[in-house]
């Protein structure tokens, strides 16, 4: 299984857009798009370049293999600080 980061997903609608784009290029290859981890996990044979093209075609930034350290590439401390009152 390979994990690829996706930057910019903020809601389930984003997950749906990425899922639809990946279904078109991966066909029967099993994959899972995770909003919580901002990534897609792909099982089986696939072309990483096609995954990148699908993610970018859906309007998101491809973070490369390995996923992202934190959702959205933002540290949790900064995110909490931004939303505190």
N, C-alpha and C. Protein backbone atom coordinates (compact mmCIF):
# COMPACT_ATOMS: atom_id res chain seq x y z
N UNK A 1 0.85 -1.17 0.00
CA UNK A 1 0.00 0.00 0.00
C UNK A 1 0.89 1.24 0.00
N UNK A 2 0.49 2.23 -0.78
CA UNK A 2 1.21 3.50 -0.82
C UNK A 2 0.27 4.60 -0.35
N UNK A 3 0.84 5.56 0.36
CA UNK A 3 0.09 6.70 0.87
C UNK A 3 0.60 7.97 0.21
N UNK A 4 -0.33 8.80 -0.26
CA UNK A 4 0.01 10.07 -0.90
C UNK A 4 -0.72 11.19 -0.20
N UNK A 5 -0.02 12.26 0.11
CA UNK A 5 -0.63 13.41 0.75
C UNK A 5 -1.48 14.21 -0.21
N UNK A 6 -2.53 14.81 0.33
CA UNK A 6 -3.41 15.69 -0.44
C UNK A 6 -3.59 16.97 0.37
N UNK A 7 -3.18 18.09 -0.18
CA UNK A 7 -3.30 19.36 0.53
C UNK A 7 -4.54 20.10 0.05
N UNK A 8 -5.29 20.66 1.01
CA UNK A 8 -6.42 21.51 0.66
C UNK A 8 -7.79 20.92 0.90
N UNK A 9 -7.89 19.65 1.29
CA UNK A 9 -9.21 19.08 1.56
C UNK A 9 -9.70 19.61 2.91
N UNK A 10 -10.95 20.11 2.93
CA UNK A 10 -11.49 20.67 4.17
C UNK A 10 -12.84 20.07 4.57
N UNK A 11 -13.45 19.27 3.70
CA UNK A 11 -14.78 18.74 4.00
C UNK A 11 -15.03 17.44 3.24
N UNK A 12 -16.17 16.83 3.53
CA UNK A 12 -16.53 15.58 2.85
C UNK A 12 -16.77 15.80 1.36
N UNK A 13 -17.17 17.00 0.99
CA UNK A 13 -17.32 17.32 -0.43
C UNK A 13 -15.99 17.22 -1.16
N UNK A 14 -14.93 17.65 -0.48
CA UNK A 14 -13.58 17.55 -1.05
C UNK A 14 -13.21 16.08 -1.23
N UNK A 15 -13.51 15.28 -0.22
CA UNK A 15 -13.23 13.84 -0.29
C UNK A 15 -13.97 13.23 -1.47
N UNK A 16 -15.22 13.63 -1.66
CA UNK A 16 -16.01 13.12 -2.78
C UNK A 16 -15.42 13.49 -4.13
N UNK A 17 -14.93 14.72 -4.24
CA UNK A 17 -14.34 15.17 -5.51
C UNK A 17 -13.07 14.39 -5.82
N UNK A 18 -12.23 14.17 -4.81
CA UNK A 18 -10.99 13.42 -5.01
C UNK A 18 -11.32 11.96 -5.32
N UNK A 19 -12.27 11.39 -4.59
CA UNK A 19 -12.67 10.00 -4.82
C UNK A 19 -13.15 9.80 -6.25
N UNK A 20 -14.00 10.69 -6.72
CA UNK A 20 -14.53 10.58 -8.09
C UNK A 20 -13.40 10.66 -9.11
N UNK A 21 -12.47 11.59 -8.91
CA UNK A 21 -11.35 11.73 -9.85
C UNK A 21 -10.46 10.49 -9.84
N UNK A 22 -10.23 9.93 -8.66
CA UNK A 22 -9.38 8.74 -8.56
C UNK A 22 -10.06 7.51 -9.14
N UNK A 23 -11.37 7.39 -8.97
CA UNK A 23 -12.09 6.25 -9.55
C UNK A 23 -11.92 6.23 -11.06
N UNK A 24 -11.89 7.40 -11.66
CA UNK A 24 -11.76 7.49 -13.11
C UNK A 24 -10.40 6.99 -13.60
N UNK A 25 -9.35 7.16 -12.80
CA UNK A 25 -8.01 6.75 -13.26
C UNK A 25 -7.53 5.43 -12.67
N UNK A 26 -8.06 5.05 -11.50
CA UNK A 26 -7.59 3.82 -10.87
C UNK A 26 -8.46 2.61 -11.19
N UNK A 27 -9.67 2.85 -11.65
CA UNK A 27 -10.54 1.72 -12.00
C UNK A 27 -10.82 0.81 -10.83
N UNK A 28 -10.41 -0.46 -10.94
CA UNK A 28 -10.69 -1.46 -9.92
C UNK A 28 -9.67 -1.50 -8.79
N UNK A 29 -8.66 -0.64 -8.83
CA UNK A 29 -7.65 -0.62 -7.77
C UNK A 29 -8.29 -0.06 -6.50
N UNK A 30 -8.08 -0.75 -5.38
CA UNK A 30 -8.67 -0.33 -4.11
C UNK A 30 -7.91 0.87 -3.54
N UNK A 31 -8.67 1.87 -3.06
CA UNK A 31 -8.06 3.04 -2.44
C UNK A 31 -9.02 3.63 -1.42
N UNK A 32 -8.48 4.46 -0.53
CA UNK A 32 -9.27 5.14 0.49
C UNK A 32 -8.77 6.56 0.64
N UNK A 33 -9.67 7.53 0.52
CA UNK A 33 -9.33 8.94 0.72
C UNK A 33 -9.69 9.30 2.16
N UNK A 34 -8.74 9.88 2.90
CA UNK A 34 -8.95 10.22 4.30
C UNK A 34 -8.87 11.72 4.51
N UNK A 35 -9.96 12.31 4.98
CA UNK A 35 -9.97 13.73 5.32
C UNK A 35 -9.15 13.96 6.59
N UNK A 36 -9.28 13.07 7.57
CA UNK A 36 -8.57 13.22 8.84
C UNK A 36 -7.06 13.22 8.66
N UNK A 37 -6.57 12.42 7.71
CA UNK A 37 -5.13 12.31 7.49
C UNK A 37 -4.67 13.09 6.26
N UNK A 38 -5.62 13.69 5.54
CA UNK A 38 -5.31 14.42 4.30
C UNK A 38 -4.44 13.58 3.37
N UNK A 39 -4.95 12.40 3.03
CA UNK A 39 -4.18 11.52 2.17
C UNK A 39 -5.10 10.56 1.43
N UNK A 40 -4.49 9.85 0.49
CA UNK A 40 -5.15 8.72 -0.15
C UNK A 40 -4.22 7.53 0.01
N UNK A 41 -4.79 6.39 0.39
CA UNK A 41 -4.04 5.15 0.52
C UNK A 41 -4.47 4.25 -0.64
N UNK A 42 -3.50 3.83 -1.44
CA UNK A 42 -3.78 3.04 -2.64
C UNK A 42 -3.17 1.66 -2.48
N UNK A 43 -3.99 0.62 -2.69
CA UNK A 43 -3.51 -0.76 -2.65
C UNK A 43 -3.40 -1.27 -4.07
N UNK A 44 -2.41 -2.08 -4.34
CA UNK A 44 -2.29 -2.69 -5.65
C UNK A 44 -1.48 -1.86 -6.63
N UNK A 45 -1.37 -2.41 -7.84
CA UNK A 45 -0.58 -1.77 -8.90
C UNK A 45 -1.26 -0.50 -9.38
N UNK A 46 -0.47 0.56 -9.46
CA UNK A 46 -0.99 1.83 -9.97
C UNK A 46 0.17 2.72 -10.38
N UNK A 47 -0.14 3.74 -11.15
CA UNK A 47 0.85 4.71 -11.60
C UNK A 47 0.73 5.95 -10.72
N UNK A 48 1.73 6.25 -9.90
CA UNK A 48 1.67 7.42 -9.03
C UNK A 48 1.42 8.72 -9.79
N UNK A 49 1.89 8.80 -11.01
CA UNK A 49 1.68 10.00 -11.81
C UNK A 49 0.19 10.20 -12.12
N UNK A 50 -0.52 9.10 -12.34
CA UNK A 50 -1.97 9.19 -12.59
C UNK A 50 -2.70 9.64 -11.33
N UNK A 51 -2.22 9.19 -10.17
CA UNK A 51 -2.80 9.63 -8.90
C UNK A 51 -2.60 11.14 -8.75
N UNK A 52 -1.39 11.61 -9.02
CA UNK A 52 -1.09 13.04 -8.94
C UNK A 52 -2.01 13.84 -9.87
N UNK A 53 -2.13 13.39 -11.11
CA UNK A 53 -2.97 14.08 -12.09
C UNK A 53 -4.43 14.14 -11.63
N UNK A 54 -4.92 13.06 -11.05
CA UNK A 54 -6.31 13.03 -10.59
C UNK A 54 -6.52 13.99 -9.43
N UNK A 55 -5.60 13.98 -8.47
CA UNK A 55 -5.71 14.87 -7.31
C UNK A 55 -5.68 16.32 -7.76
N UNK A 56 -4.72 16.66 -8.60
CA UNK A 56 -4.60 18.03 -9.08
C UNK A 56 -5.77 18.42 -9.98
N UNK A 57 -6.26 17.47 -10.77
CA UNK A 57 -7.42 17.72 -11.62
C UNK A 57 -8.68 18.00 -10.81
N UNK A 58 -8.74 17.46 -9.60
CA UNK A 58 -9.89 17.71 -8.71
C UNK A 58 -9.75 19.04 -7.98
N UNK A 59 -8.60 19.72 -8.18
CA UNK A 59 -8.42 21.04 -7.58
C UNK A 59 -7.63 21.07 -6.30
N UNK A 60 -6.87 20.00 -6.02
CA UNK A 60 -6.10 19.93 -4.79
C UNK A 60 -4.62 19.78 -5.09
N UNK A 61 -3.80 20.04 -4.09
CA UNK A 61 -2.36 19.93 -4.26
C UNK A 61 -1.90 18.53 -3.86
N UNK A 62 -1.14 17.90 -4.72
CA UNK A 62 -0.61 16.57 -4.46
C UNK A 62 0.60 16.71 -3.54
N UNK A 63 0.55 16.07 -2.38
CA UNK A 63 1.62 16.20 -1.39
C UNK A 63 2.73 15.18 -1.54
N UNK A 64 2.62 14.29 -2.49
CA UNK A 64 3.66 13.29 -2.69
C UNK A 64 3.48 12.06 -1.83
N UNK A 65 4.38 11.12 -2.00
CA UNK A 65 4.30 9.85 -1.27
C UNK A 65 4.64 10.06 0.19
N UNK A 66 3.93 9.34 1.05
CA UNK A 66 4.22 9.38 2.47
C UNK A 66 3.19 10.15 3.29
N UNK A 67 2.30 10.87 2.65
CA UNK A 67 1.28 11.62 3.38
C UNK A 67 1.83 12.91 3.94
N UNK A 68 1.02 13.56 4.77
CA UNK A 68 1.38 14.84 5.37
C UNK A 68 1.52 14.66 6.87
N UNK A 69 2.34 15.49 7.49
CA UNK A 69 2.53 15.38 8.93
C UNK A 69 1.26 15.74 9.69
N UNK A 70 0.54 16.77 9.24
CA UNK A 70 -0.69 17.19 9.90
C UNK A 70 -1.70 17.56 8.83
N UNK A 71 -3.01 17.49 9.15
CA UNK A 71 -4.01 17.86 8.16
C UNK A 71 -3.79 19.27 7.62
N UNK A 72 -3.82 19.42 6.33
CA UNK A 72 -3.66 20.72 5.71
C UNK A 72 -2.25 21.26 5.78
N UNK A 73 -1.32 20.46 6.29
CA UNK A 73 0.05 20.92 6.41
C UNK A 73 0.23 22.01 7.45
N UNK A 74 -0.75 22.16 8.36
CA UNK A 74 -0.70 23.19 9.40
C UNK A 74 -0.50 22.50 10.73
N UNK A 75 0.34 23.04 11.59
CA UNK A 75 0.53 22.42 12.89
C UNK A 75 -0.75 22.56 13.71
N UNK A 76 -1.03 21.59 14.56
CA UNK A 76 -2.24 21.65 15.37
C UNK A 76 -2.25 22.86 16.28
N UNK A 77 -1.11 23.21 16.85
CA UNK A 77 -1.04 24.38 17.73
C UNK A 77 -1.47 25.64 17.02
N UNK A 78 -0.99 25.84 15.82
CA UNK A 78 -1.36 27.04 15.06
C UNK A 78 -2.84 27.00 14.70
N UNK A 79 -3.34 25.84 14.32
CA UNK A 79 -4.75 25.73 13.97
C UNK A 79 -5.63 26.07 15.18
N UNK A 80 -5.30 25.56 16.36
CA UNK A 80 -6.08 25.86 17.55
C UNK A 80 -6.02 27.33 17.88
N UNK A 81 -4.85 27.92 17.76
CA UNK A 81 -4.67 29.34 18.04
C UNK A 81 -5.52 30.17 17.09
N UNK A 82 -5.59 29.78 15.85
CA UNK A 82 -6.35 30.52 14.84
C UNK A 82 -7.84 30.55 15.17
N UNK A 83 -8.37 29.46 15.73
CA UNK A 83 -9.80 29.37 15.98
C UNK A 83 -10.21 29.68 17.41
N UNK A 84 -9.26 30.03 18.28
CA UNK A 84 -9.63 30.35 19.66
C UNK A 84 -10.28 31.72 19.73
N UNK A 85 -11.09 31.95 20.79
CA UNK A 85 -11.78 33.25 20.93
C UNK A 85 -11.13 34.11 21.98
